[in-house]
N, C-alpha and C. Protein backbone atom coordinates (compact mmCIF):
# COMPACT_ATOMS: atom_id res chain seq x y z
N ARG A 1 -83.10 54.89 -19.78
CA ARG A 1 -82.43 55.44 -20.95
C ARG A 1 -83.15 55.03 -22.23
N LYS A 2 -83.58 53.79 -22.33
CA LYS A 2 -84.27 53.35 -23.54
C LYS A 2 -85.54 54.17 -23.77
N ARG A 3 -86.23 54.50 -22.69
CA ARG A 3 -87.45 55.29 -22.81
C ARG A 3 -87.14 56.65 -23.40
N VAL A 4 -86.04 57.22 -23.00
CA VAL A 4 -85.66 58.53 -23.51
C VAL A 4 -85.35 58.45 -25.00
N LEU A 5 -84.68 57.41 -25.43
CA LEU A 5 -84.31 57.27 -26.84
C LEU A 5 -85.51 57.06 -27.75
N THR A 6 -86.54 56.40 -27.25
CA THR A 6 -87.68 56.11 -28.10
C THR A 6 -88.78 57.16 -28.00
N LYS A 7 -88.67 58.05 -27.04
CA LYS A 7 -89.71 59.07 -26.84
C LYS A 7 -89.49 60.22 -27.81
N ALA A 8 -90.53 60.64 -28.47
CA ALA A 8 -90.44 61.74 -29.43
C ALA A 8 -90.33 63.07 -28.68
N LEU A 9 -89.69 64.02 -29.32
CA LEU A 9 -89.61 65.36 -28.74
C LEU A 9 -90.97 66.04 -28.79
N THR A 10 -91.25 66.81 -27.77
CA THR A 10 -92.49 67.57 -27.79
C THR A 10 -92.34 68.73 -28.76
N SER A 11 -93.46 69.25 -29.20
CA SER A 11 -93.41 70.39 -30.13
C SER A 11 -92.76 71.60 -29.46
N GLU A 12 -92.90 71.72 -28.16
CA GLU A 12 -92.26 72.83 -27.43
C GLU A 12 -90.74 72.69 -27.46
N ARG A 13 -90.24 71.50 -27.24
CA ARG A 13 -88.78 71.28 -27.29
C ARG A 13 -88.24 71.51 -28.71
N ILE A 14 -88.99 71.06 -29.70
CA ILE A 14 -88.58 71.30 -31.08
C ILE A 14 -88.51 72.79 -31.36
N ARG A 15 -89.51 73.52 -30.90
CA ARG A 15 -89.53 74.97 -31.09
C ARG A 15 -88.33 75.62 -30.42
N LEU A 16 -88.02 75.19 -29.20
CA LEU A 16 -86.87 75.77 -28.47
C LEU A 16 -85.55 75.46 -29.18
N LEU A 17 -85.42 74.23 -29.65
CA LEU A 17 -84.19 73.88 -30.38
C LEU A 17 -84.08 74.67 -31.68
N ASP A 18 -85.19 74.81 -32.38
CA ASP A 18 -85.20 75.62 -33.60
C ASP A 18 -84.81 77.06 -33.30
N SER A 19 -85.26 77.58 -32.18
CA SER A 19 -85.01 78.98 -31.83
C SER A 19 -83.53 79.27 -31.57
N ILE A 20 -82.76 78.24 -31.22
CA ILE A 20 -81.32 78.45 -30.99
C ILE A 20 -80.48 77.99 -32.18
N GLY A 21 -81.15 77.67 -33.29
CA GLY A 21 -80.43 77.31 -34.50
C GLY A 21 -79.95 75.88 -34.55
N PHE A 22 -80.60 74.98 -33.84
CA PHE A 22 -80.22 73.57 -33.84
C PHE A 22 -80.26 73.02 -35.26
N VAL A 23 -79.21 72.28 -35.66
CA VAL A 23 -79.14 71.66 -36.98
C VAL A 23 -79.66 70.24 -36.86
N TRP A 24 -80.72 69.93 -37.57
CA TRP A 24 -81.38 68.63 -37.45
C TRP A 24 -80.72 67.55 -38.29
N SER A 25 -79.94 67.89 -39.26
CA SER A 25 -79.29 66.92 -40.12
C SER A 25 -77.84 66.75 -39.71
N ILE A 26 -77.36 65.50 -39.67
CA ILE A 26 -75.97 65.29 -39.33
C ILE A 26 -75.05 65.46 -40.54
N ALA A 27 -75.62 65.41 -41.71
CA ALA A 27 -74.84 65.61 -42.93
C ALA A 27 -75.00 67.06 -43.39
N GLY A 28 -73.94 67.60 -43.95
CA GLY A 28 -74.01 68.95 -44.48
C GLY A 28 -74.86 68.98 -45.74
N PRO A 29 -75.20 70.16 -46.18
CA PRO A 29 -76.01 70.25 -47.39
C PRO A 29 -75.23 69.77 -48.61
N LYS A 30 -75.91 69.07 -49.48
CA LYS A 30 -75.27 68.58 -50.70
C LYS A 30 -75.35 69.66 -51.77
N ALA A 31 -74.26 69.78 -52.49
CA ALA A 31 -74.25 70.75 -53.58
C ALA A 31 -75.02 70.15 -54.76
N ALA A 32 -75.73 70.99 -55.44
CA ALA A 32 -76.47 70.55 -56.62
C ALA A 32 -75.49 70.17 -57.72
N TRP A 33 -75.92 69.28 -58.61
CA TRP A 33 -75.05 68.82 -59.68
C TRP A 33 -74.51 69.98 -60.50
N GLU A 34 -75.37 70.93 -60.83
CA GLU A 34 -74.94 72.08 -61.63
C GLU A 34 -73.88 72.91 -60.89
N ASP A 35 -74.00 73.01 -59.57
CA ASP A 35 -73.01 73.75 -58.78
C ASP A 35 -71.65 73.07 -58.85
N ARG A 36 -71.64 71.74 -58.72
CA ARG A 36 -70.37 71.01 -58.80
C ARG A 36 -69.79 71.09 -60.22
N PHE A 37 -70.64 71.03 -61.23
CA PHE A 37 -70.15 71.15 -62.60
C PHE A 37 -69.50 72.52 -62.80
N ARG A 38 -70.15 73.56 -62.29
CA ARG A 38 -69.60 74.92 -62.39
C ARG A 38 -68.26 75.00 -61.66
N GLU A 39 -68.19 74.38 -60.48
CA GLU A 39 -66.94 74.36 -59.71
C GLU A 39 -65.85 73.63 -60.49
N LEU A 40 -66.20 72.55 -61.17
CA LEU A 40 -65.25 71.80 -61.99
C LEU A 40 -64.70 72.68 -63.11
N MET A 41 -65.58 73.40 -63.79
CA MET A 41 -65.14 74.26 -64.89
C MET A 41 -64.29 75.42 -64.38
N GLU A 42 -64.64 75.97 -63.23
CA GLU A 42 -63.83 77.05 -62.65
C GLU A 42 -62.44 76.55 -62.29
N TYR A 43 -62.38 75.33 -61.75
CA TYR A 43 -61.07 74.75 -61.42
C TYR A 43 -60.23 74.60 -62.69
N TYR A 44 -60.85 74.08 -63.75
CA TYR A 44 -60.11 73.89 -64.99
C TYR A 44 -59.64 75.23 -65.56
N ASP A 45 -60.50 76.22 -65.53
CA ASP A 45 -60.12 77.55 -66.05
C ASP A 45 -58.97 78.15 -65.27
N ALA A 46 -58.95 77.93 -63.96
CA ALA A 46 -57.90 78.50 -63.12
C ALA A 46 -56.59 77.72 -63.17
N ASN A 47 -56.66 76.39 -63.39
CA ASN A 47 -55.47 75.54 -63.29
C ASN A 47 -55.04 74.89 -64.60
N ASP A 48 -55.84 75.02 -65.64
CA ASP A 48 -55.55 74.44 -66.95
C ASP A 48 -55.37 72.93 -66.89
N ARG A 49 -56.03 72.29 -65.95
CA ARG A 49 -56.04 70.83 -65.83
C ARG A 49 -57.25 70.44 -64.99
N TRP A 50 -57.62 69.16 -65.09
CA TRP A 50 -58.76 68.65 -64.32
C TRP A 50 -58.28 68.24 -62.93
N PRO A 51 -59.10 68.39 -61.93
CA PRO A 51 -58.70 68.00 -60.58
C PRO A 51 -58.64 66.48 -60.43
N SER A 52 -57.83 66.02 -59.49
CA SER A 52 -57.75 64.58 -59.24
C SER A 52 -58.90 64.15 -58.33
N GLN A 53 -59.12 62.85 -58.27
CA GLN A 53 -60.19 62.31 -57.44
C GLN A 53 -59.90 62.49 -55.95
N SER A 54 -58.69 62.79 -55.61
CA SER A 54 -58.34 62.93 -54.19
C SER A 54 -58.50 64.36 -53.68
N MET A 55 -59.11 65.22 -54.47
CA MET A 55 -59.25 66.63 -54.10
C MET A 55 -60.56 66.93 -53.37
N GLY A 56 -60.74 66.40 -52.20
CA GLY A 56 -61.89 66.73 -51.36
C GLY A 56 -63.24 66.47 -52.01
N LYS A 57 -64.18 67.37 -51.75
CA LYS A 57 -65.55 67.19 -52.23
C LYS A 57 -65.64 67.17 -53.75
N LEU A 58 -64.87 68.02 -54.41
CA LEU A 58 -64.89 68.03 -55.88
C LEU A 58 -64.34 66.72 -56.43
N GLY A 59 -63.29 66.22 -55.82
CA GLY A 59 -62.73 64.93 -56.23
C GLY A 59 -63.71 63.79 -56.03
N GLU A 60 -64.42 63.81 -54.91
CA GLU A 60 -65.45 62.79 -54.65
C GLU A 60 -66.53 62.86 -55.72
N TRP A 61 -66.93 64.08 -56.07
CA TRP A 61 -67.96 64.27 -57.09
C TRP A 61 -67.51 63.70 -58.43
N ILE A 62 -66.26 63.98 -58.80
CA ILE A 62 -65.70 63.46 -60.05
C ILE A 62 -65.74 61.94 -60.06
N HIS A 63 -65.34 61.34 -58.95
CA HIS A 63 -65.34 59.88 -58.84
C HIS A 63 -66.76 59.33 -59.04
N LYS A 64 -67.73 59.97 -58.42
CA LYS A 64 -69.12 59.51 -58.55
C LYS A 64 -69.62 59.64 -59.99
N GLN A 65 -69.19 60.69 -60.69
CA GLN A 65 -69.60 60.85 -62.09
C GLN A 65 -69.02 59.73 -62.94
N ARG A 66 -67.77 59.39 -62.69
CA ARG A 66 -67.13 58.31 -63.43
C ARG A 66 -67.80 56.97 -63.15
N MET A 67 -68.19 56.75 -61.90
CA MET A 67 -68.88 55.51 -61.54
C MET A 67 -70.22 55.41 -62.26
N GLN A 68 -70.98 56.50 -62.27
CA GLN A 68 -72.27 56.48 -62.95
C GLN A 68 -72.10 56.28 -64.45
N TYR A 69 -71.06 56.87 -65.00
CA TYR A 69 -70.79 56.70 -66.44
C TYR A 69 -70.46 55.24 -66.74
N SER A 70 -69.62 54.64 -65.91
CA SER A 70 -69.24 53.24 -66.16
C SER A 70 -70.41 52.29 -65.98
N LYS A 71 -71.36 52.64 -65.12
CA LYS A 71 -72.55 51.81 -64.93
C LYS A 71 -73.60 52.07 -66.00
N ARG A 72 -73.38 53.11 -66.79
CA ARG A 72 -74.34 53.52 -67.82
C ARG A 72 -75.71 53.79 -67.21
N ASP A 73 -75.69 54.46 -66.06
CA ASP A 73 -76.91 54.85 -65.37
C ASP A 73 -77.81 55.61 -66.35
N GLU A 74 -79.04 55.15 -66.51
CA GLU A 74 -79.94 55.69 -67.55
C GLU A 74 -80.15 57.20 -67.42
N LYS A 75 -80.50 57.67 -66.25
CA LYS A 75 -80.74 59.10 -66.05
C LYS A 75 -79.45 59.90 -66.27
N PHE A 76 -78.36 59.37 -65.75
CA PHE A 76 -77.07 60.04 -65.91
C PHE A 76 -76.70 60.16 -67.38
N MET A 77 -76.84 59.07 -68.12
CA MET A 77 -76.46 59.07 -69.53
C MET A 77 -77.34 60.01 -70.35
N ARG A 78 -78.58 60.14 -69.97
CA ARG A 78 -79.52 60.99 -70.70
C ARG A 78 -79.33 62.47 -70.36
N GLU A 79 -79.13 62.78 -69.08
CA GLU A 79 -79.15 64.18 -68.65
C GLU A 79 -77.79 64.80 -68.38
N ARG A 80 -76.84 64.01 -67.90
CA ARG A 80 -75.59 64.63 -67.43
C ARG A 80 -74.37 64.26 -68.26
N ALA A 81 -74.30 63.04 -68.73
CA ALA A 81 -73.13 62.62 -69.52
C ALA A 81 -72.88 63.50 -70.73
N PRO A 82 -73.93 63.90 -71.47
CA PRO A 82 -73.66 64.77 -72.63
C PRO A 82 -72.98 66.08 -72.24
N LYS A 83 -73.34 66.62 -71.11
CA LYS A 83 -72.74 67.88 -70.68
C LYS A 83 -71.25 67.67 -70.33
N LEU A 84 -70.95 66.55 -69.67
CA LEU A 84 -69.55 66.25 -69.34
C LEU A 84 -68.76 65.91 -70.60
N ASP A 85 -69.38 65.17 -71.52
CA ASP A 85 -68.70 64.82 -72.77
C ASP A 85 -68.37 66.06 -73.62
N ALA A 86 -69.17 67.09 -73.47
CA ALA A 86 -68.96 68.30 -74.27
C ALA A 86 -67.69 69.06 -73.88
N VAL A 87 -67.20 68.82 -72.68
CA VAL A 87 -65.97 69.52 -72.26
C VAL A 87 -64.79 68.60 -72.44
C-alpha cells in the first residue's frame, strides 16, 4: 500500500482521468475578490441591509475582510479597504 501512495501516476492514467472529467483539486474554485464585492453589493441592494457573518460563503468573506482590516494588512489597506470604506 505504501508503494501505491508514493508512486506517481503515469501520464496515461492522468490522461484517462482527465478524459472523464476528474477534478484534481479537493477545494472548490475560489471567487475573485471583485466577484464577492459585487455579490455583497447585490445583497445590500436586494435586502437593504448587510449580510451577517453567518451567511455561508459571503459571510465567511465578510469575516475575512474584517480580519484583514483589523490587522491593517498592507495590501488590503492599499487596494481593497478604500473600496469597502466607500460604501
